[in-house]
Amino acid sequence: MAEMVETYRGTVYPWHCDHMDHMNVMWYVGKFDEGTWNFFSMLGVTPSYLRDNGRGMAAVDQRIAYRRELHAGRSRRARQQRR
């Protein structure tokens, strides 16, 4: 199996949190989306590559493992791997 690579690192801001003071699911998905674009770039699939070759992307399968709740002020990272 391929090695996991870090594709995103960031901080949880207060406006990312819900009424339970946990980062809301919509923000998790957005951060993973940012990480996915970084991952594509590592593979050479950049916006210019897509544009120049008349290609596009579509998310057809997304698997997210939530390890623990995140609160404002916490740093977080995302890792991905190629299969």
C-alpha atoms as a PDB file:
ATOM      1  CA  MET A   1       0.000   0.000   0.000  1.00  0.00           C
ATOM      2  CA  ALA A   2       1.225   3.516  -0.804  1.00  0.00           C
ATOM      3  CA  GLU A   3       2.574   5.833   1.872  1.00  0.00           C
ATOM      4  CA  MET A   4       0.260   8.441   3.413  1.00  0.00           C
ATOM      5  CA  VAL A   5       1.316  12.018   2.567  1.00  0.00           C
ATOM      6  CA  GLU A   6       0.300  15.192   4.361  1.00  0.00           C
ATOM      7  CA  THR A   7      -1.908  17.274   2.088  1.00  0.00           C
ATOM      8  CA  TYR A   8      -3.344  19.850   4.468  1.00  0.00           C
ATOM      9  CA  ARG A   9      -2.382  21.590   7.702  1.00  0.00           C
ATOM     10  CA  GLY A  10      -4.421  24.346   9.306  1.00  0.00           C
ATOM     11  CA  THR A  11      -6.133  25.746  12.375  1.00  0.00           C
ATOM     12  CA  VAL A  12      -9.721  25.541  13.611  1.00  0.00           C
ATOM     13  CA  TYR A  13     -11.231  29.015  14.005  1.00  0.00           C
ATOM     14  CA  PRO A  14     -14.195  29.862  16.271  1.00  0.00           C
ATOM     15  CA  TRP A  15     -16.490  30.376  13.259  1.00  0.00           C
ATOM     16  CA  HIS A  16     -15.818  26.755  12.224  1.00  0.00           C
ATOM     17  CA  CYS A  17     -17.513  25.503  15.406  1.00  0.00           C
ATOM     18  CA  ASP A  18     -21.120  24.501  16.019  1.00  0.00           C
ATOM     19  CA  HIS A  19     -23.301  24.989  19.115  1.00  0.00           C
ATOM     20  CA  MET A  20     -21.401  22.130  20.841  1.00  0.00           C
ATOM     21  CA  ASP A  21     -18.068  23.967  20.302  1.00  0.00           C
ATOM     22  CA  HIS A  22     -16.880  21.286  17.860  1.00  0.00           C
ATOM     23  CA  MET A  23     -15.754  21.982  14.315  1.00  0.00           C
ATOM     24  CA  ASN A  24     -18.842  21.535  12.122  1.00  0.00           C
ATOM     25  CA  VAL A  25     -18.872  18.716   9.554  1.00  0.00           C
ATOM     26  CA  MET A  26     -19.182  21.148   6.629  1.00  0.00           C
ATOM     27  CA  TRP A  27     -15.760  22.566   7.530  1.00  0.00           C
ATOM     28  CA  TYR A  28     -14.171  19.102   7.691  1.00  0.00           C
ATOM     29  CA  VAL A  29     -15.352  18.426   4.152  1.00  0.00           C
ATOM     30  CA  GLY A  30     -14.049  21.806   2.949  1.00  0.00           C
ATOM     31  CA  LYS A  31     -10.617  21.215   4.502  1.00  0.00           C
ATOM     32  CA  PHE A  32     -10.419  17.734   2.974  1.00  0.00           C
ATOM     33  CA  ASP A  33     -11.335  19.269  -0.383  1.00  0.00           C
ATOM     34  CA  GLU A  34      -8.407  21.694  -0.062  1.00  0.00           C
ATOM     35  CA  GLY A  35      -6.143  18.769   0.803  1.00  0.00           C
ATOM     36  CA  THR A  36      -7.405  16.822  -2.196  1.00  0.00           C
ATOM     37  CA  TRP A  37      -6.386  19.619  -4.572  1.00  0.00           C
ATOM     38  CA  ASN A  38      -2.919  19.628  -2.969  1.00  0.00           C
ATOM     39  CA  PHE A  39      -2.772  15.851  -3.459  1.00  0.00           C
ATOM     40  CA  PHE A  40      -3.774  16.158  -7.129  1.00  0.00           C
ATOM     41  CA  SER A  41      -1.018  18.756  -7.618  1.00  0.00           C
ATOM     42  CA  MET A  42       1.520  16.314  -6.129  1.00  0.00           C
ATOM     43  CA  LEU A  43       0.415  13.844  -8.814  1.00  0.00           C
ATOM     44  CA  GLY A  44       0.724  16.466 -11.575  1.00  0.00           C
ATOM     45  CA  VAL A  45      -3.024  17.010 -11.923  1.00  0.00           C
ATOM     46  CA  THR A  46      -3.016  20.807 -11.638  1.00  0.00           C
ATOM     47  CA  PRO A  47      -5.723  23.293 -12.670  1.00  0.00           C
ATOM     48  CA  SER A  48      -3.626  24.226 -15.733  1.00  0.00           C
ATOM     49  CA  TYR A  49      -3.249  20.542 -16.687  1.00  0.00           C
ATOM     50  CA  LEU A  50      -7.021  20.064 -16.468  1.00  0.00           C
ATOM     51  CA  ARG A  51      -7.702  23.252 -18.426  1.00  0.00           C
ATOM     52  CA  ASP A  52      -5.087  22.613 -21.124  1.00  0.00           C
ATOM     53  CA  ASN A  53      -6.305  19.053 -21.670  1.00  0.00           C
ATOM     54  CA  GLY A  54     -10.054  19.723 -21.551  1.00  0.00           C
ATOM     55  CA  ARG A  55     -10.420  17.573 -18.430  1.00  0.00           C
ATOM     56  CA  GLY A  56     -12.396  17.881 -15.222  1.00  0.00           C
ATOM     57  CA  MET A  57     -12.739  16.215 -11.833  1.00  0.00           C
ATOM     58  CA  ALA A  58     -15.692  14.713  -9.965  1.00  0.00           C
ATOM     59  CA  ALA A  59     -15.788  13.302  -6.434  1.00  0.00           C
ATOM     60  CA  VAL A  60     -17.303   9.827  -6.709  1.00  0.00           C
ATOM     61  CA  ASP A  61     -16.027   8.294  -3.462  1.00  0.00           C
ATOM     62  CA  GLN A  62     -14.931  10.117  -0.323  1.00  0.00           C
ATOM     63  CA  ARG A  63     -13.937   8.385   2.909  1.00  0.00           C
ATOM     64  CA  ILE A  64     -13.224  10.483   5.975  1.00  0.00           C
ATOM     65  CA  ALA A  65     -12.102   9.025   9.306  1.00  0.00           C
ATOM     66  CA  TYR A  66     -13.022  11.299  12.220  1.00  0.00           C
ATOM     67  CA  ARG A  67     -10.506  10.523  14.981  1.00  0.00           C
ATOM     68  CA  ARG A  68     -11.607  13.087  17.588  1.00  0.00           C
ATOM     69  CA  GLU A  69     -13.588  16.283  17.963  1.00  0.00           C
ATOM     70  CA  LEU A  70     -11.749  19.478  17.041  1.00  0.00           C
ATOM     71  CA  HIS A  71     -12.173  22.737  18.929  1.00  0.00           C
ATOM     72  CA  ALA A  72     -11.240  26.348  18.131  1.00  0.00           C
ATOM     73  CA  GLY A  73      -7.500  26.936  18.350  1.00  0.00           C
ATOM     74  CA  ARG A  74      -6.562  23.347  17.482  1.00  0.00           C
ATOM     75  CA  SER A  75      -4.226  22.621  14.606  1.00  0.00           C
ATOM     76  CA  ARG A  76      -5.151  19.830  12.278  1.00  0.00           C
ATOM     77  CA  ARG A  77      -3.719  17.983   9.339  1.00  0.00           C
ATOM     78  CA  ALA A  78      -5.006  15.682   6.633  1.00  0.00           C
ATOM     79  CA  ARG A  79      -3.160  12.796   5.030  1.00  0.00           C
ATOM     80  CA  GLN A  80      -4.030  10.941   1.862  1.00  0.00           C
ATOM     81  CA  GLN A  81      -2.655   8.074  -0.148  1.00  0.00           C
ATOM     82  CA  ARG A  82      -2.754   6.819  -3.684  1.00  0.00           C
ATOM     83  CA  ARG A  83      -4.055   3.286  -4.188  1.00  0.00           C
END
